[in-house]
Amino acid sequence: MAIQSNHPVEESDLIKGCLAGERRMQEALYQRFSPKMYAVCLRYSNNADDSQDILQDGFVKVFKNLHMFRSEGSFEGWLRRIFVNTAIEHYRRQVNTYQVTEAQENALEAKEISAFDSLSMKDLIKLIQQLSPGYRTVFNLYVIEGYSHKEIAEMIGISEGTSKSQLARAKSILQNIIRTKKTPAE
């Protein structure tokens, strides 16, 4: 089956072709979804090289586990979950989390952030990439992906309190970066 750029292949045909081991369908699936999945990877890494590593690892998992997709939800949602989990695994291999006391956690929780409203997604991704891996991962999982602190704690092997404190610290750091960039030079 020839893949023509002006006649996009149906998602179900892509999946069937990949399951049948058709190289062209695998390439087409990669071409169709890699830009969106790369954006997910960028949010969890601090540079393009790490993002590419996560992207490649994620697609290896996609092709290896494609037979497990049951067409019960969106295929893109299924892909996204694989890439988020791949990014978390990448994080686990690289980082030591910073433990804080409950008093520090409560002080950090009290801070509010309103500066994010004026940022574009591209600018926000650049700011998120400046965070340490622990803060970046918790921020992405909570703010972007919508996981609870309990779920995050289970996913990355930290306490719920550590998840909360890392989110608060991440927000505080991002707020300070934004405030510093908006302050006119004197």
Protein backbone atom coordinates (compact mmCIF):
# COMPACT_ATOMS: atom_id res chain seq x y z
CA MET A 1 0.00 0.00 0.00
CA ALA A 2 1.56 3.28 -1.11
CA ILE A 3 1.43 6.20 1.27
CA GLN A 4 0.75 9.48 -0.48
CA SER A 5 1.07 12.79 1.31
CA ASN A 6 -2.14 14.19 -0.20
CA HIS A 7 -4.16 11.12 0.92
CA PRO A 8 -3.46 10.58 4.59
CA VAL A 9 -3.67 7.02 5.80
CA GLU A 10 -6.40 6.31 8.34
CA GLU A 11 -5.14 5.80 11.88
CA SER A 12 -6.64 2.28 12.00
CA ASP A 13 -4.80 1.37 8.78
CA LEU A 14 -1.56 2.70 10.23
CA ILE A 15 -1.99 0.54 13.30
CA LYS A 16 -2.85 -2.56 11.24
CA GLY A 17 0.12 -1.96 8.95
CA CYS A 18 2.49 -1.54 11.88
CA LEU A 19 1.18 -4.72 13.49
CA ALA A 20 1.82 -6.50 10.19
CA GLY A 21 5.42 -5.23 10.27
CA GLU A 22 5.05 -2.89 7.28
CA ARG A 23 8.02 -0.53 7.45
CA ARG A 24 6.28 2.26 5.49
CA MET A 25 3.37 2.24 7.90
CA GLN A 26 5.78 2.41 10.85
CA GLU A 27 7.47 5.41 9.26
CA ALA A 28 4.11 7.04 8.58
CA LEU A 29 3.00 6.51 12.19
CA TYR A 30 6.27 7.99 13.41
CA GLN A 31 5.95 10.99 11.06
CA ARG A 32 2.36 11.63 12.10
CA PHE A 33 2.85 11.48 15.86
CA SER A 34 6.50 12.36 16.52
CA PRO A 35 5.99 16.15 16.58
CA LYS A 36 3.33 15.97 19.31
CA MET A 37 5.19 13.33 21.29
CA TYR A 38 8.42 15.31 20.98
CA ALA A 39 6.62 18.23 22.62
CA VAL A 40 5.73 15.92 25.52
CA CYS A 41 9.37 14.80 25.75
CA LEU A 42 10.60 18.40 25.75
CA ARG A 43 8.49 19.20 28.79
CA TYR A 44 10.17 16.44 30.77
CA SER A 45 13.77 16.99 29.72
CA ASN A 46 16.15 19.88 29.97
CA ASN A 47 17.63 19.71 26.48
CA ALA A 48 16.96 18.54 22.94
CA ASP A 49 19.31 15.54 23.19
CA ASP A 50 17.47 14.11 26.18
CA SER A 51 14.15 14.81 24.45
CA GLN A 52 15.31 12.87 21.41
CA ASP A 53 16.41 9.96 23.61
CA ILE A 54 13.02 9.86 25.31
CA LEU A 55 11.27 10.12 21.94
CA GLN A 56 13.22 7.20 20.50
CA ASP A 57 12.75 5.07 23.62
CA GLY A 58 9.05 5.88 23.54
CA PHE A 59 8.61 4.83 19.93
CA VAL A 60 10.49 1.59 20.56
CA LYS A 61 7.93 0.88 23.31
CA VAL A 62 5.05 1.90 21.04
CA PHE A 63 6.05 -0.52 18.31
CA LYS A 64 6.87 -3.26 20.80
CA ASN A 65 3.52 -2.91 22.60
CA LEU A 66 1.20 -1.84 19.79
CA HIS A 67 -0.60 -5.17 20.01
CA MET A 68 -1.81 -4.07 23.47
CA PHE A 69 -3.76 -1.09 22.10
CA ARG A 70 -7.43 -2.13 22.30
CA SER A 71 -9.03 0.78 20.41
CA GLU A 72 -11.08 1.57 23.51
CA GLY A 73 -9.82 5.14 23.79
CA SER A 74 -7.91 7.54 21.61
CA PHE A 75 -4.74 6.22 20.07
CA GLU A 76 -3.02 9.54 20.66
CA GLY A 77 -3.93 9.36 24.35
CA TRP A 78 -2.46 5.85 24.53
CA LEU A 79 0.73 7.13 22.87
CA ARG A 80 0.94 10.11 25.23
CA ARG A 81 0.77 7.83 28.26
CA ILE A 82 3.66 5.76 26.90
CA PHE A 83 5.76 8.87 26.37
CA VAL A 84 4.96 10.30 29.80
CA ASN A 85 5.90 6.97 31.40
CA THR A 86 9.08 6.80 29.31
CA ALA A 87 10.00 10.31 30.47
CA ILE A 88 9.38 9.29 34.09
CA GLU A 89 11.63 6.26 33.66
CA HIS A 90 14.28 8.55 32.18
CA TYR A 91 13.89 10.82 35.20
CA ARG A 92 14.19 7.92 37.65
CA ARG A 93 17.47 6.86 36.11
CA GLN A 94 18.96 10.33 36.37
CA VAL A 95 17.84 12.02 39.54
CA ASN A 96 18.04 12.09 43.29
CA THR A 97 15.05 13.88 44.76
CA TYR A 98 15.45 16.64 47.29
CA GLN A 99 13.70 15.92 50.57
CA VAL A 100 12.20 18.82 52.50
CA THR A 101 10.69 19.16 55.94
CA GLU A 102 6.97 19.57 56.49
CA ALA A 103 7.50 23.16 57.67
CA GLN A 104 9.35 24.01 54.44
CA GLU A 105 6.62 22.27 52.45
CA ASN A 106 3.85 24.26 54.13
CA ALA A 107 5.68 27.55 53.61
CA LEU A 108 6.13 26.76 49.93
CA GLU A 109 2.52 25.67 49.46
CA ALA A 110 1.34 29.13 50.50
CA LYS A 111 2.90 30.86 47.47
CA GLU A 112 0.64 31.85 44.59
CA ILE A 113 1.58 32.07 40.93
CA SER A 114 -0.14 34.32 38.42
CA ALA A 115 2.67 35.15 35.99
CA PHE A 116 2.14 32.05 33.83
CA ASP A 117 -0.99 33.47 32.20
CA SER A 118 0.97 35.73 29.83
CA LEU A 119 3.38 33.04 28.53
CA SER A 120 3.19 31.18 25.25
CA MET A 121 3.55 27.40 25.34
CA LYS A 122 6.98 27.65 23.71
CA ASP A 123 8.16 30.09 26.38
CA LEU A 124 6.68 27.94 29.15
CA ILE A 125 8.49 24.85 27.84
CA LYS A 126 11.79 26.77 27.86
CA LEU A 127 11.16 27.84 31.44
CA ILE A 128 10.16 24.33 32.54
CA GLN A 129 13.36 22.95 31.02
CA GLN A 130 15.34 25.14 33.42
CA LEU A 131 13.93 23.27 36.42
CA SER A 132 15.80 20.39 38.01
CA PRO A 133 14.57 16.97 36.83
CA GLY A 134 12.58 16.34 40.02
CA TYR A 135 10.77 19.66 39.98
CA ARG A 136 10.22 19.47 36.22
CA THR A 137 8.72 15.98 36.38
CA VAL A 138 6.33 16.77 39.24
CA PHE A 139 5.33 20.08 37.63
CA ASN A 140 4.54 18.38 34.31
CA LEU A 141 2.66 15.49 35.86
CA TYR A 142 0.54 17.73 38.09
CA VAL A 143 0.02 20.89 36.05
CA ILE A 144 0.13 19.60 32.48
CA GLU A 145 -0.95 15.96 32.72
CA GLY A 146 -3.41 16.42 35.60
CA TYR A 147 -2.23 13.65 37.93
CA SER A 148 -2.88 13.92 41.68
CA HIS A 149 -0.04 14.12 44.18
CA LYS A 150 -0.90 10.61 45.33
CA GLU A 151 -0.61 9.28 41.76
CA ILE A 152 2.65 11.17 41.19
CA ALA A 153 4.10 9.80 44.42
CA GLU A 154 3.30 6.25 43.32
CA MET A 155 4.59 6.81 39.77
CA ILE A 156 8.00 8.17 40.67
CA GLY A 157 8.57 6.63 44.06
CA ILE A 158 8.39 9.65 46.36
CA SER A 159 6.07 10.64 49.19
CA GLU A 160 2.93 12.64 48.55
CA GLY A 161 4.41 15.47 50.65
CA THR A 162 7.56 15.50 48.54
CA SER A 163 5.40 15.75 45.41
CA LYS A 164 3.57 18.73 46.88
CA SER A 165 6.76 20.46 47.98
CA GLN A 166 8.47 19.87 44.65
CA LEU A 167 5.47 21.36 42.84
CA ALA A 168 5.49 24.39 45.12
CA ARG A 169 9.24 24.84 44.65
CA ALA A 170 8.90 24.46 40.88
CA LYS A 171 6.19 27.12 40.78
CA SER A 172 8.25 29.41 42.98
CA ILE A 173 11.34 29.01 40.81
CA LEU A 174 9.35 29.62 37.63
CA GLN A 175 7.70 32.66 39.15
CA ASN A 176 11.10 34.09 40.11
CA ILE A 177 12.46 33.48 36.61
CA ILE A 178 9.46 35.22 35.07
CA ARG A 179 9.64 38.11 37.51
CA THR A 180 13.38 38.55 36.84
CA LYS A 181 12.87 38.58 33.07
CA LYS A 182 10.05 41.13 33.30
CA THR A 183 12.03 43.50 35.54
CA PRO A 184 13.50 46.27 33.40
CA ALA A 185 17.26 46.68 33.61
CA GLU A 186 18.27 49.65 35.70
